[in-house]
PDB file of all heavy atoms in Angstrom:
ATOM      1  N   GLU A   1     115.777 -14.069-228.517  1.00  0.00           N
ATOM      2  CA  GLU A   1     116.456 -14.158-229.804  1.00  0.00           C
ATOM      3  C   GLU A   1     115.637 -13.653-230.970  1.00  0.00           C
ATOM      4  O   GLU A   1     116.124 -13.090-231.899  1.00  0.00           O
ATOM      5  CB  GLU A   1     116.901 -15.621-230.064  1.00  0.00           C
ATOM      6  CG  GLU A   1     117.957 -16.107-229.089  1.00  0.00           C
ATOM      7  CD  GLU A   1     118.243 -17.609-229.276  1.00  0.00           C
ATOM      8  OE1 GLU A   1     117.586 -18.210-230.200  1.00  0.00           O
ATOM      9  OE2 GLU A   1     119.095 -18.163-228.558  1.00  0.00           O
ATOM     10  N   ALA A   2     114.302 -13.929-230.861  1.00  0.00           N
ATOM     11  CA  ALA A   2     113.413 -13.560-231.983  1.00  0.00           C
ATOM     12  C   ALA A   2     112.563 -12.303-231.659  1.00  0.00           C
ATOM     13  O   ALA A   2     111.557 -12.063-232.322  1.00  0.00           O
ATOM     14  CB  ALA A   2     112.479 -14.723-232.302  1.00  0.00           C
ATOM     15  N   TRP A   3     112.965 -11.529-230.704  1.00  0.00           N
ATOM     16  CA  TRP A   3     112.142 -10.396-230.301  1.00  0.00           C
ATOM     17  C   TRP A   3     111.978  -9.357-231.431  1.00  0.00           C
ATOM     18  O   TRP A   3     110.927  -8.766-231.608  1.00  0.00           O
ATOM     19  CB  TRP A   3     112.767  -9.740-229.066  1.00  0.00           C
ATOM     20  CG  TRP A   3     111.872  -8.724-228.456  1.00  0.00           C
ATOM     21  CD1 TRP A   3     111.884  -7.348-228.639  1.00  0.00           C
ATOM     22  CD2 TRP A   3     110.777  -8.963-227.594  1.00  0.00           C
ATOM     23  NE1 TRP A   3     110.902  -6.748-227.943  1.00  0.00           N
ATOM     24  CE2 TRP A   3     110.177  -7.733-227.263  1.00  0.00           C
ATOM     25  CE3 TRP A   3     110.212 -10.142-227.036  1.00  0.00           C
ATOM     26  CZ2 TRP A   3     109.087  -7.616-226.428  1.00  0.00           C
ATOM     27  CZ3 TRP A   3     109.138 -10.013-226.230  1.00  0.00           C
ATOM     28  CH2 TRP A   3     108.568  -8.775-225.904  1.00  0.00           C
ATOM     29  N   ASP A   4     113.033  -9.124-232.163  1.00  0.00           N
ATOM     30  CA  ASP A   4     112.969  -8.103-233.225  1.00  0.00           C
ATOM     31  C   ASP A   4     112.267  -8.625-234.470  1.00  0.00           C
ATOM     32  O   ASP A   4     112.042  -7.814-235.418  1.00  0.00           O
ATOM     33  CB  ASP A   4     114.422  -7.670-233.612  1.00  0.00           C
ATOM     34  CG  ASP A   4     115.091  -6.996-232.413  1.00  0.00           C
ATOM     35  OD1 ASP A   4     114.398  -6.413-231.553  1.00  0.00           O
ATOM     36  OD2 ASP A   4     116.344  -7.111-232.286  1.00  0.00           O
ATOM     37  N   ASP A   5     111.910  -9.882-234.556  1.00  0.00           N
ATOM     38  CA  ASP A   5     111.191 -10.438-235.679  1.00  0.00           C
ATOM     39  C   ASP A   5     109.807 -10.848-235.240  1.00  0.00           C
ATOM     40  O   ASP A   5     109.624 -11.971-234.672  1.00  0.00           O
ATOM     41  CB  ASP A   5     111.946 -11.647-236.261  1.00  0.00           C
ATOM     42  CG  ASP A   5     111.378 -12.151-237.562  1.00  0.00           C
ATOM     43  OD1 ASP A   5     110.264 -11.654-237.950  1.00  0.00           O
ATOM     44  OD2 ASP A   5     111.940 -13.080-238.138  1.00  0.00           O
ATOM     45  N   PRO A   6     108.760 -10.023-235.402  1.00  0.00           N
ATOM     46  CA  PRO A   6     107.433 -10.331-234.847  1.00  0.00           C
ATOM     47  C   PRO A   6     106.875 -11.658-235.367  1.00  0.00           C
ATOM     48  O   PRO A   6     106.234 -12.378-234.606  1.00  0.00           O
ATOM     49  CB  PRO A   6     106.581  -9.158-235.293  1.00  0.00           C
ATOM     50  CG  PRO A   6     107.566  -8.028-235.461  1.00  0.00           C
ATOM     51  CD  PRO A   6     108.840  -8.644-235.977  1.00  0.00           C
ATOM     52  N   ALA A   7     107.105 -11.914-236.639  1.00  0.00           N
ATOM     53  CA  ALA A   7     106.504 -13.187-237.170  1.00  0.00           C
ATOM     54  C   ALA A   7     107.149 -14.406-236.514  1.00  0.00           C
ATOM     55  O   ALA A   7     106.453 -15.350-236.092  1.00  0.00           O
ATOM     56  CB  ALA A   7     106.718 -13.240-238.670  1.00  0.00           C
ATOM     57  N   ARG A   8     108.489 -14.361-236.412  1.00  0.00           N
ATOM     58  CA  ARG A   8     109.167 -15.473-235.755  1.00  0.00           C
ATOM     59  C   ARG A   8     108.796 -15.542-234.264  1.00  0.00           C
ATOM     60  O   ARG A   8     108.640 -16.637-233.718  1.00  0.00           O
ATOM     61  CB  ARG A   8     110.647 -15.290-235.939  1.00  0.00           C
ATOM     62  CG  ARG A   8     111.475 -16.434-235.353  1.00  0.00           C
ATOM     63  CD  ARG A   8     112.956 -16.152-235.537  1.00  0.00           C
ATOM     64  NE  ARG A   8     113.740 -17.151-234.865  1.00  0.00           N
ATOM     65  CZ  ARG A   8     115.052 -17.028-234.628  1.00  0.00           C
ATOM     66  NH1 ARG A   8     115.720 -15.930-234.997  1.00  0.00           N
ATOM     67  NH2 ARG A   8     115.694 -17.985-234.008  1.00  0.00           N
ATOM     68  N   ARG A   9     108.686 -14.385-233.635  1.00  0.00           N
ATOM     69  CA  ARG A   9     108.328 -14.343-232.219  1.00  0.00           C
ATOM     70  C   ARG A   9     106.954 -14.934-231.972  1.00  0.00           C
ATOM     71  O   ARG A   9     106.754 -15.754-231.064  1.00  0.00           O
ATOM     72  CB  ARG A   9     108.407 -12.881-231.740  1.00  0.00           C
ATOM     73  CG  ARG A   9     108.081 -12.686-230.264  1.00  0.00           C
ATOM     74  CD  ARG A   9     108.014 -11.203-229.985  1.00  0.00           C
ATOM     75  NE  ARG A   9     106.921 -10.574-230.784  1.00  0.00           N
ATOM     76  CZ  ARG A   9     106.796  -9.259-230.969  1.00  0.00           C
ATOM     77  NH1 ARG A   9     107.690  -8.425-230.468  1.00  0.00           N
ATOM     78  NH2 ARG A   9     105.784  -8.801-231.699  1.00  0.00           N
ATOM     79  N   ASP A  10     105.968 -14.539-232.847  1.00  0.00           N
ATOM     80  CA  ASP A  10     104.627 -15.076-232.687  1.00  0.00           C
ATOM     81  C   ASP A  10     104.604 -16.597-232.950  1.00  0.00           C
ATOM     82  O   ASP A  10     103.867 -17.356-232.290  1.00  0.00           O
ATOM     83  CB  ASP A  10     103.661 -14.400-233.613  1.00  0.00           C
ATOM     84  CG  ASP A  10     103.465 -12.903-233.261  1.00  0.00           C
ATOM     85  OD1 ASP A  10     103.919 -12.502-232.156  1.00  0.00           O
ATOM     86  OD2 ASP A  10     102.904 -12.179-234.042  1.00  0.00           O
ATOM     87  N   ALA A  11     105.407 -17.032-233.895  1.00  0.00           N
ATOM     88  CA  ALA A  11     105.459 -18.477-234.145  1.00  0.00           C
ATOM     89  C   ALA A  11     105.995 -19.288-232.949  1.00  0.00           C
ATOM     90  O   ALA A  11     105.502 -20.355-232.650  1.00  0.00           O
ATOM     91  CB  ALA A  11     106.347 -18.734-235.393  1.00  0.00           C
ATOM     92  N   ILE A  12     106.997 -18.700-232.261  1.00  0.00           N
ATOM     93  CA  ILE A  12     107.520 -19.375-231.060  1.00  0.00           C
ATOM     94  C   ILE A  12     106.449 -19.443-229.991  1.00  0.00           C
ATOM     95  O   ILE A  12     106.291 -20.473-229.333  1.00  0.00           O
ATOM     96  CB  ILE A  12     108.759 -18.633-230.543  1.00  0.00           C
ATOM     97  CG1 ILE A  12     109.917 -18.754-231.565  1.00  0.00           C
ATOM     98  CG2 ILE A  12     109.178 -19.134-229.200  1.00  0.00           C
ATOM     99  CD1 ILE A  12     111.155 -17.956-231.174  1.00  0.00           C
ATOM    100  N   VAL A  13     105.653 -18.382-229.823  1.00  0.00           N
ATOM    101  CA  VAL A  13     104.614 -18.366-228.830  1.00  0.00           C
ATOM    102  C   VAL A  13     103.576 -19.453-229.154  1.00  0.00           C
ATOM    103  O   VAL A  13     103.173 -20.202-228.278  1.00  0.00           O
ATOM    104  CB  VAL A  13     103.926 -16.976-228.780  1.00  0.00           C
ATOM    105  CG1 VAL A  13     102.659 -17.059-227.893  1.00  0.00           C
ATOM    106  CG2 VAL A  13     104.904 -15.956-228.214  1.00  0.00           C
ATOM    107  N   HIS A  14     103.143 -19.560-230.389  1.00  0.00           N
ATOM    108  CA  HIS A  14     102.159 -20.554-230.761  1.00  0.00           C
ATOM    109  C   HIS A  14     102.729 -21.998-230.670  1.00  0.00           C
ATOM    110  O   HIS A  14     102.018 -22.937-230.300  1.00  0.00           O
ATOM    111  CB  HIS A  14     101.663 -20.314-232.191  1.00  0.00           C
ATOM    112  CG  HIS A  14     100.724 -19.155-232.276  1.00  0.00           C
ATOM    113  ND1 HIS A  14      99.411 -19.189-231.871  1.00  0.00           N
ATOM    114  CD2 HIS A  14     100.939 -17.891-232.721  1.00  0.00           C
ATOM    115  CE1 HIS A  14      98.833 -18.004-232.051  1.00  0.00           C
ATOM    116  NE2 HIS A  14      99.748 -17.164-232.612  1.00  0.00           N
ATOM    117  N   SER A  15     104.030 -22.118-230.961  1.00  0.00           N
ATOM    118  CA  SER A  15     104.639 -23.415-230.859  1.00  0.00           C
ATOM    119  C   SER A  15     104.699 -23.894-229.400  1.00  0.00           C
ATOM    120  O   SER A  15     104.387 -25.043-229.075  1.00  0.00           O
ATOM    121  CB  SER A  15     106.065 -23.352-231.439  1.00  0.00           C
ATOM    122  OG  SER A  15     106.716 -24.593-231.240  1.00  0.00           O
ATOM    123  N   VAL A  16     105.076 -22.961-228.459  1.00  0.00           N
ATOM    124  CA  VAL A  16     105.049 -23.318-227.017  1.00  0.00           C
ATOM    125  C   VAL A  16     103.675 -23.690-226.549  1.00  0.00           C
ATOM    126  O   VAL A  16     103.475 -24.641-225.808  1.00  0.00           O
ATOM    127  CB  VAL A  16     105.668 -22.147-226.235  1.00  0.00           C
ATOM    128  CG1 VAL A  16     105.461 -22.383-224.721  1.00  0.00           C
ATOM    129  CG2 VAL A  16     107.136 -21.971-226.549  1.00  0.00           C
ATOM    130  N   ALA A  17     102.675 -22.918-226.992  1.00  0.00           N
ATOM    131  CA  ALA A  17     101.274 -23.199-226.547  1.00  0.00           C
ATOM    132  C   ALA A  17     100.828 -24.558-227.056  1.00  0.00           C
ATOM    133  O   ALA A  17     100.142 -25.313-226.333  1.00  0.00           O
ATOM    134  CB  ALA A  17     100.346 -22.085-227.062  1.00  0.00           C
ATOM    135  N   ARG A  18     101.228 -24.877-228.308  1.00  0.00           N
ATOM    136  CA  ARG A  18     100.770 -26.176-228.834  1.00  0.00           C
ATOM    137  C   ARG A  18     101.537 -27.314-228.229  1.00  0.00           C
ATOM    138  O   ARG A  18     100.939 -28.362-227.885  1.00  0.00           O
ATOM    139  CB  ARG A  18     101.024 -26.115-230.340  1.00  0.00           C
ATOM    140  CG  ARG A  18     100.530 -27.414-231.059  1.00  0.00           C
ATOM    141  CD  ARG A  18     100.725 -27.286-232.574  1.00  0.00           C
ATOM    142  NE  ARG A  18     102.117 -27.082-232.936  1.00  0.00           N
ATOM    143  CZ  ARG A  18     102.618 -25.915-233.321  1.00  0.00           C
ATOM    144  NH1 ARG A  18     101.821 -24.845-233.425  1.00  0.00           N
ATOM    145  NH2 ARG A  18     103.900 -25.762-233.648  1.00  0.00           N
ATOM    146  N   ASP A  19     102.844 -27.221-228.063  1.00  0.00           N
ATOM    147  CA  ASP A  19     103.638 -28.325-227.551  1.00  0.00           C
ATOM    148  C   ASP A  19     103.373 -28.553-226.072  1.00  0.00           C
ATOM    149  O   ASP A  19     103.348 -29.707-225.610  1.00  0.00           O
ATOM    150  CB  ASP A  19     105.125 -28.045-227.765  1.00  0.00           C
ATOM    151  CG  ASP A  19     105.482 -28.030-229.242  1.00  0.00           C
ATOM    152  OD1 ASP A  19     104.692 -28.539-230.068  1.00  0.00           O
ATOM    153  OD2 ASP A  19     106.538 -27.467-229.575  1.00  0.00           O
ATOM    154  N   LEU A  20     103.147 -27.532-225.280  1.00  0.00           N
ATOM    155  CA  LEU A  20     102.963 -27.722-223.815  1.00  0.00           C
ATOM    156  C   LEU A  20     101.498 -27.767-223.461  1.00  0.00           C
ATOM    157  O   LEU A  20     101.183 -27.916-222.265  1.00  0.00           O
ATOM    158  CB  LEU A  20     103.670 -26.594-223.074  1.00  0.00           C
ATOM    159  CG  LEU A  20     105.178 -26.467-223.241  1.00  0.00           C
ATOM    160  CD1 LEU A  20     105.704 -25.342-222.383  1.00  0.00           C
ATOM    161  CD2 LEU A  20     105.854 -27.774-222.855  1.00  0.00           C
ATOM    162  N   ASP A  21     100.609 -27.597-224.428  1.00  0.00           N
ATOM    163  CA  ASP A  21      99.167 -27.632-224.191  1.00  0.00           C
ATOM    164  C   ASP A  21      98.747 -26.611-223.103  1.00  0.00           C
ATOM    165  O   ASP A  21      98.084 -26.928-222.139  1.00  0.00           O
ATOM    166  CB  ASP A  21      98.726 -29.050-223.750  1.00  0.00           C
ATOM    167  CG  ASP A  21      97.212 -29.196-223.763  1.00  0.00           C
ATOM    168  OD1 ASP A  21      96.552 -28.366-224.466  1.00  0.00           O
ATOM    169  OD2 ASP A  21      96.704 -30.106-223.083  1.00  0.00           O
ATOM    170  N   VAL A  22      99.206 -25.368-223.305  1.00  0.00           N
ATOM    171  CA  VAL A  22      98.902 -24.306-222.411  1.00  0.00           C
ATOM    172  C   VAL A  22      98.497 -23.071-223.228  1.00  0.00           C
ATOM    173  O   VAL A  22      98.691 -23.022-224.446  1.00  0.00           O
ATOM    174  CB  VAL A  22     100.099 -23.926-221.495  1.00  0.00           C
ATOM    175  CG1 VAL A  22     100.408 -25.066-220.534  1.00  0.00           C
ATOM    176  CG2 VAL A  22     101.345 -23.553-222.295  1.00  0.00           C
ATOM    177  N   ASP A  23      97.900 -22.097-222.543  1.00  0.00           N
ATOM    178  CA  ASP A  23      97.597 -20.798-223.158  1.00  0.00           C
ATOM    179  C   ASP A  23      98.717 -19.829-222.832  1.00  0.00           C
ATOM    180  O   ASP A  23      99.125 -19.705-221.646  1.00  0.00           O
ATOM    181  CB  ASP A  23      96.258 -20.247-222.663  1.00  0.00           C
ATOM    182  CG  ASP A  23      95.109 -21.155-223.047  1.00  0.00           C
ATOM    183  OD1 ASP A  23      95.192 -21.777-224.127  1.00  0.00           O
ATOM    184  OD2 ASP A  23      94.133 -21.270-222.297  1.00  0.00           O
ATOM    185  N   VAL A  24      99.234 -19.124-223.861  1.00  0.00           N
ATOM    186  CA  VAL A  24     100.385 -18.268-223.685  1.00  0.00           C
ATOM    187  C   VAL A  24     100.012 -16.838-224.096  1.00  0.00           C
ATOM    188  O   VAL A  24      99.312 -16.654-225.106  1.00  0.00           O
ATOM    189  CB  VAL A  24     101.597 -18.741-224.475  1.00  0.00           C
ATOM    190  CG1 VAL A  24     102.803 -17.862-224.240  1.00  0.00           C
ATOM    191  CG2 VAL A  24     101.949 -20.224-224.120  1.00  0.00           C
ATOM    192  N   GLU A  25     100.487 -15.888-223.288  1.00  0.00           N
ATOM    193  CA  GLU A  25     100.354 -14.479-223.686  1.00  0.00           C
ATOM    194  C   GLU A  25     101.696 -13.792-223.505  1.00  0.00           C
ATOM    195  O   GLU A  25     102.453 -14.088-222.566  1.00  0.00           O
ATOM    196  CB  GLU A  25      99.254 -13.795-222.901  1.00  0.00           C
ATOM    197  CG  GLU A  25      99.523 -13.659-221.418  1.00  0.00           C
ATOM    198  CD  GLU A  25      98.405 -12.930-220.675  1.00  0.00           C
ATOM    199  OE1 GLU A  25      97.291 -12.916-221.199  1.00  0.00           O
ATOM    200  OE2 GLU A  25      98.679 -12.362-219.607  1.00  0.00           O
ATOM    201  N   LEU A  26     101.983 -12.831-224.423  1.00  0.00           N
ATOM    202  CA  LEU A  26     103.277 -12.150-224.415  1.00  0.00           C
ATOM    203  C   LEU A  26     102.993 -10.689-224.373  1.00  0.00           C
ATOM    204  O   LEU A  26     102.162 -10.123-225.140  1.00  0.00           O
ATOM    205  CB  LEU A  26     104.087 -12.503-225.655  1.00  0.00           C
ATOM    206  CG  LEU A  26     105.444 -11.842-225.814  1.00  0.00           C
ATOM    207  CD1 LEU A  26     106.375 -12.334-224.703  1.00  0.00           C
ATOM    208  CD2 LEU A  26     106.060 -12.178-227.170  1.00  0.00           C
ATOM    209  N   ARG A  27     103.625  -9.979-223.443  1.00  0.00           N
ATOM    210  CA  ARG A  27     103.471  -8.550-223.304  1.00  0.00           C
ATOM    211  C   ARG A  27     104.882  -7.891-223.371  1.00  0.00           C
ATOM    212  O   ARG A  27     105.873  -8.526-222.984  1.00  0.00           O
ATOM    213  CB  ARG A  27     102.823  -8.171-221.985  1.00  0.00           C
ATOM    214  CG  ARG A  27     101.405  -8.715-221.893  1.00  0.00           C
ATOM    215  CD  ARG A  27     100.789  -8.378-220.520  1.00  0.00           C
ATOM    216  NE  ARG A  27      99.413  -8.914-220.415  1.00  0.00           N
ATOM    217  CZ  ARG A  27      98.296  -8.291-220.758  1.00  0.00           C
ATOM    218  NH1 ARG A  27      98.427  -7.056-221.287  1.00  0.00           N
ATOM    219  NH2 ARG A  27      97.155  -8.865-220.639  1.00  0.00           N
ATOM    220  N   ASP A  28     104.909  -6.618-223.780  1.00  0.00           N
ATOM    221  CA  ASP A  28     106.179  -5.922-223.814  1.00  0.00           C
ATOM    222  C   ASP A  28     106.492  -5.336-222.476  1.00  0.00           C
ATOM    223  O   ASP A  28     105.776  -5.545-221.501  1.00  0.00           O
ATOM    224  CB  ASP A  28     106.132  -4.841-224.924  1.00  0.00           C
ATOM    225  CG  ASP A  28     105.035  -3.807-224.682  1.00  0.00           C
ATOM    226  OD1 ASP A  28     104.491  -3.765-223.568  1.00  0.00           O
ATOM    227  OD2 ASP A  28     104.731  -3.032-225.605  1.00  0.00           O
ATOM    228  N   ALA A  29     107.575  -4.564-222.429  1.00  0.00           N
ATOM    229  CA  ALA A  29     108.037  -4.030-221.132  1.00  0.00           C
ATOM    230  C   ALA A  29     107.029  -3.075-220.507  1.00  0.00           C
ATOM    231  O   ALA A  29     106.965  -2.933-219.292  1.00  0.00           O
ATOM    232  CB  ALA A  29     109.385  -3.334-221.315  1.00  0.00           C
ATOM    233  N   SER A  30     106.233  -2.437-221.345  1.00  0.00           N
ATOM    234  CA  SER A  30     105.254  -1.508-220.806  1.00  0.00           C
ATOM    235  C   SER A  30     103.961  -2.195-220.411  1.00  0.00           C
ATOM    236  O   SER A  30     103.038  -1.578-219.843  1.00  0.00           O
ATOM    237  CB  SER A  30     104.895  -0.418-221.858  1.00  0.00           C
ATOM    238  OG  SER A  30     104.300  -1.039-222.999  1.00  0.00           O
ATOM    239  N   GLY A  31     103.813  -3.499-220.655  1.00  0.00           N
ATOM    240  CA  GLY A  31     102.609  -4.243-220.322  1.00  0.00           C
ATOM    241  C   GLY A  31     101.593  -4.368-221.435  1.00  0.00           C
ATOM    242  O   GLY A  31     100.569  -4.980-221.248  1.00  0.00           O
ATOM    243  N   ALA A  32     101.929  -3.838-222.595  1.00  0.00           N
ATOM    244  CA  ALA A  32     101.000  -3.908-223.729  1.00  0.00           C
ATOM    245  C   ALA A  32     101.027  -5.349-224.284  1.00  0.00           C
ATOM    246  O   ALA A  32     102.085  -5.988-224.398  1.00  0.00           O
ATOM    247  CB  ALA A  32     101.388  -2.905-224.814  1.00  0.00           C
ATOM    248  N   LEU A  33      99.823  -5.856-224.625  1.00  0.00           N
ATOM    249  CA  LEU A  33      99.698  -7.196-225.117  1.00  0.00           C
ATOM    250  C   LEU A  33     100.216  -7.298-226.564  1.00  0.00           C
ATOM    251  O   LEU A  33      99.770  -6.537-227.405  1.00  0.00           O
ATOM    252  CB  LEU A  33      98.227  -7.670-225.065  1.00  0.00           C
ATOM    253  CG  LEU A  33      97.942  -9.070-225.552  1.00  0.00           C
ATOM    254  CD1 LEU A  33      98.610 -10.116-224.650  1.00  0.00           C
ATOM    255  CD2 LEU A  33      96.409  -9.293-225.648  1.00  0.00           C
ATOM    256  N   LEU A  34     101.103  -8.249-226.774  1.00  0.00           N
ATOM    257  CA  LEU A  34     101.672  -8.445-228.130  1.00  0.00           C
ATOM    258  C   LEU A  34     100.978  -9.608-228.835  1.00  0.00           C
ATOM    259  O   LEU A  34     100.617  -9.521-229.986  1.00  0.00           O
ATOM    260  CB  LEU A  34     103.161  -8.697-228.051  1.00  0.00           C
ATOM    261  CG  LEU A  34     103.989  -7.529-227.443  1.00  0.00           C
ATOM    262  CD1 LEU A  34     105.459  -7.899-227.402  1.00  0.00           C
ATOM    263  CD2 LEU A  34     103.800  -6.273-228.222  1.00  0.00           C
ATOM    264  N   VAL A  35     100.820 -10.725-228.134  1.00  0.00           N
ATOM    265  CA  VAL A  35     100.180 -11.896-228.744  1.00  0.00           C
ATOM    266  C   VAL A  35      99.550 -12.792-227.620  1.00  0.00           C
ATOM    267  O   VAL A  35     100.101 -12.846-226.510  1.00  0.00           O
ATOM    268  CB  VAL A  35     101.199 -12.720-229.572  1.00  0.00           C
ATOM    269  CG1 VAL A  35     102.325 -13.268-228.665  1.00  0.00           C
ATOM    270  CG2 VAL A  35     100.532 -13.852-230.311  1.00  0.00           C
ATOM    271  N   ARG A  36      98.443 -13.441-227.928  1.00  0.00           N
ATOM    272  CA  ARG A  36      97.786 -14.321-226.961  1.00  0.00           C
ATOM    273  C   ARG A  36      97.181 -15.483-227.724  1.00  0.00           C
ATOM    274  O   ARG A  36      96.553 -15.273-228.781  1.00  0.00           O
ATOM    275  CB  ARG A  36      96.655 -13.556-226.234  1.00  0.00           C
ATOM    276  CG  ARG A  36      95.891 -14.426-225.230  1.00  0.00           C
ATOM    277  CD  ARG A  36      94.717 -13.692-224.634  1.00  0.00           C
ATOM    278  NE  ARG A  36      95.173 -12.594-223.780  1.00  0.00           N
ATOM    279  CZ  ARG A  36      94.464 -11.470-223.559  1.00  0.00           C
ATOM    280  NH1 ARG A  36      93.282 -11.351-224.134  1.00  0.00           N
ATOM    281  NH2 ARG A  36      94.896 -10.546-222.759  1.00  0.00           N
ATOM    282  N   THR A  37      97.384 -16.685-227.181  1.00  0.00           N
ATOM    283  CA  THR A  37      96.880 -17.905-227.879  1.00  0.00           C
ATOM    284  C   THR A  37      95.555 -18.386-227.324  1.00  0.00           C
ATOM    285  O   THR A  37      94.997 -19.404-227.832  1.00  0.00           O
ATOM    286  CB  THR A  37      97.899 -19.006-227.799  1.00  0.00           C
ATOM    287  OG1 THR A  37      98.070 -19.359-226.410  1.00  0.00           O
ATOM    288  CG2 THR A  37      99.234 -18.601-228.372  1.00  0.00           C
ATOM    289  N   GLY A  38      95.039 -17.804-226.296  1.00  0.00           N
ATOM    290  CA  GLY A  38      93.781 -18.263-225.681  1.00  0.00           C
ATOM    291  C   GLY A  38      93.211 -17.194-224.794  1.00  0.00           C
ATOM    292  O   GLY A  38      93.529 -16.030-224.963  1.00  0.00           O
ATOM    293  N   PRO A  39      92.312 -17.614-223.846  1.00  0.00           N
ATOM    294  CA  PRO A  39      91.751 -16.654-222.940  1.00  0.00           C
ATOM    295  C   PRO A  39      92.825 -15.998-222.075  1.00  0.00           C
ATOM    296  O   PRO A  39      93.950 -16.493-221.938  1.00  0.00           O
ATOM    297  CB  PRO A  39      90.817 -17.526-222.065  1.00  0.00           C
ATOM    298  CG  PRO A  39      90.578 -18.740-222.864  1.00  0.00           C
ATOM    299  CD  PRO A  39      91.796 -18.966-223.651  1.00  0.00           C
ATOM    300  N   PRO A  40      92.526 -14.860-221.477  1.00  0.00           N
ATOM    301  CA  PRO A  40      93.494 -14.178-220.656  1.00  0.00           C
ATOM    302  C   PRO A  40      93.898 -15.033-219.452  1.00  0.00           C
ATOM    303  O   PRO A  40      93.089 -15.765-218.888  1.00  0.00           O
ATOM    304  CB  PRO A  40      92.754 -12.902-220.163  1.00  0.00           C
ATOM    305  CG  PRO A  40      91.671 -12.712-221.172  1.00  0.00           C
ATOM    306  CD  PRO A  40      91.248 -14.073-221.626  1.00  0.00           C
ATOM    307  N   CYS A  41      95.164 -14.952-219.096  1.00  0.00           N
ATOM    308  CA  CYS A  41      95.688 -15.658-217.917  1.00  0.00           C
ATOM    309  C   CYS A  41      95.564 -14.763-216.709  1.00  0.00           C
ATOM    310  O   CYS A  41      96.061 -13.633-216.702  1.00  0.00           O
ATOM    311  CB  CYS A  41      97.167 -16.009-218.144  1.00  0.00           C
ATOM    312  SG  CYS A  41      97.434 -17.297-219.383  1.00  0.00           S
ATOM    313  N   HIS A  42      94.822 -15.287-215.712  1.00  0.00           N
ATOM    314  CA  HIS A  42      94.630 -14.490-214.501  1.00  0.00           C
ATOM    315  C   HIS A  42      95.349 -15.143-213.329  1.00  0.00           C
ATOM    316  O   HIS A  42      96.541 -14.963-213.126  1.00  0.00           O
ATOM    317  CB  HIS A  42      93.131 -14.326-214.206  1.00  0.00           C
ATOM    318  CG  HIS A  42      92.416 -13.586-215.308  1.00  0.00           C
ATOM    319  ND1 HIS A  42      92.661 -12.257-215.556  1.00  0.00           N
ATOM    320  CD2 HIS A  42      91.474 -13.978-216.202  1.00  0.00           C
ATOM    321  CE1 HIS A  42      91.906 -11.834-216.586  1.00  0.00           C
ATOM    322  NE2 HIS A  42      91.158 -12.884-216.998  1.00  0.00           N
ATOM    323  N   ALA A  43      94.634 -15.917-212.582  1.00  0.00           N
ATOM    324  CA  ALA A  43      95.228 -16.524-211.374  1.00  0.00           C
ATOM    325  C   ALA A  43      95.710 -17.957-211.569  1.00  0.00           C
ATOM    326  O   ALA A  43      96.108 -18.623-210.607  1.00  0.00           O
ATOM    327  CB  ALA A  43      94.237 -16.494-210.188  1.00  0.00           C
TER     328      ALA A  43
END
C-alpha cells in the first residue's frame, strides 16, 4: 500500500522492526537494497 511513498514505506519497515524486535531489510524486484534496520540478514 505504501510502496509509492518512500517515507511512509520506510516508516512501516522501522515500525515492524521495533514492534517485533527483529532486523528488517527491504529490497526491490531487482534485488537492490531499499532500507535496512540492522545488520544484513543471512541464514
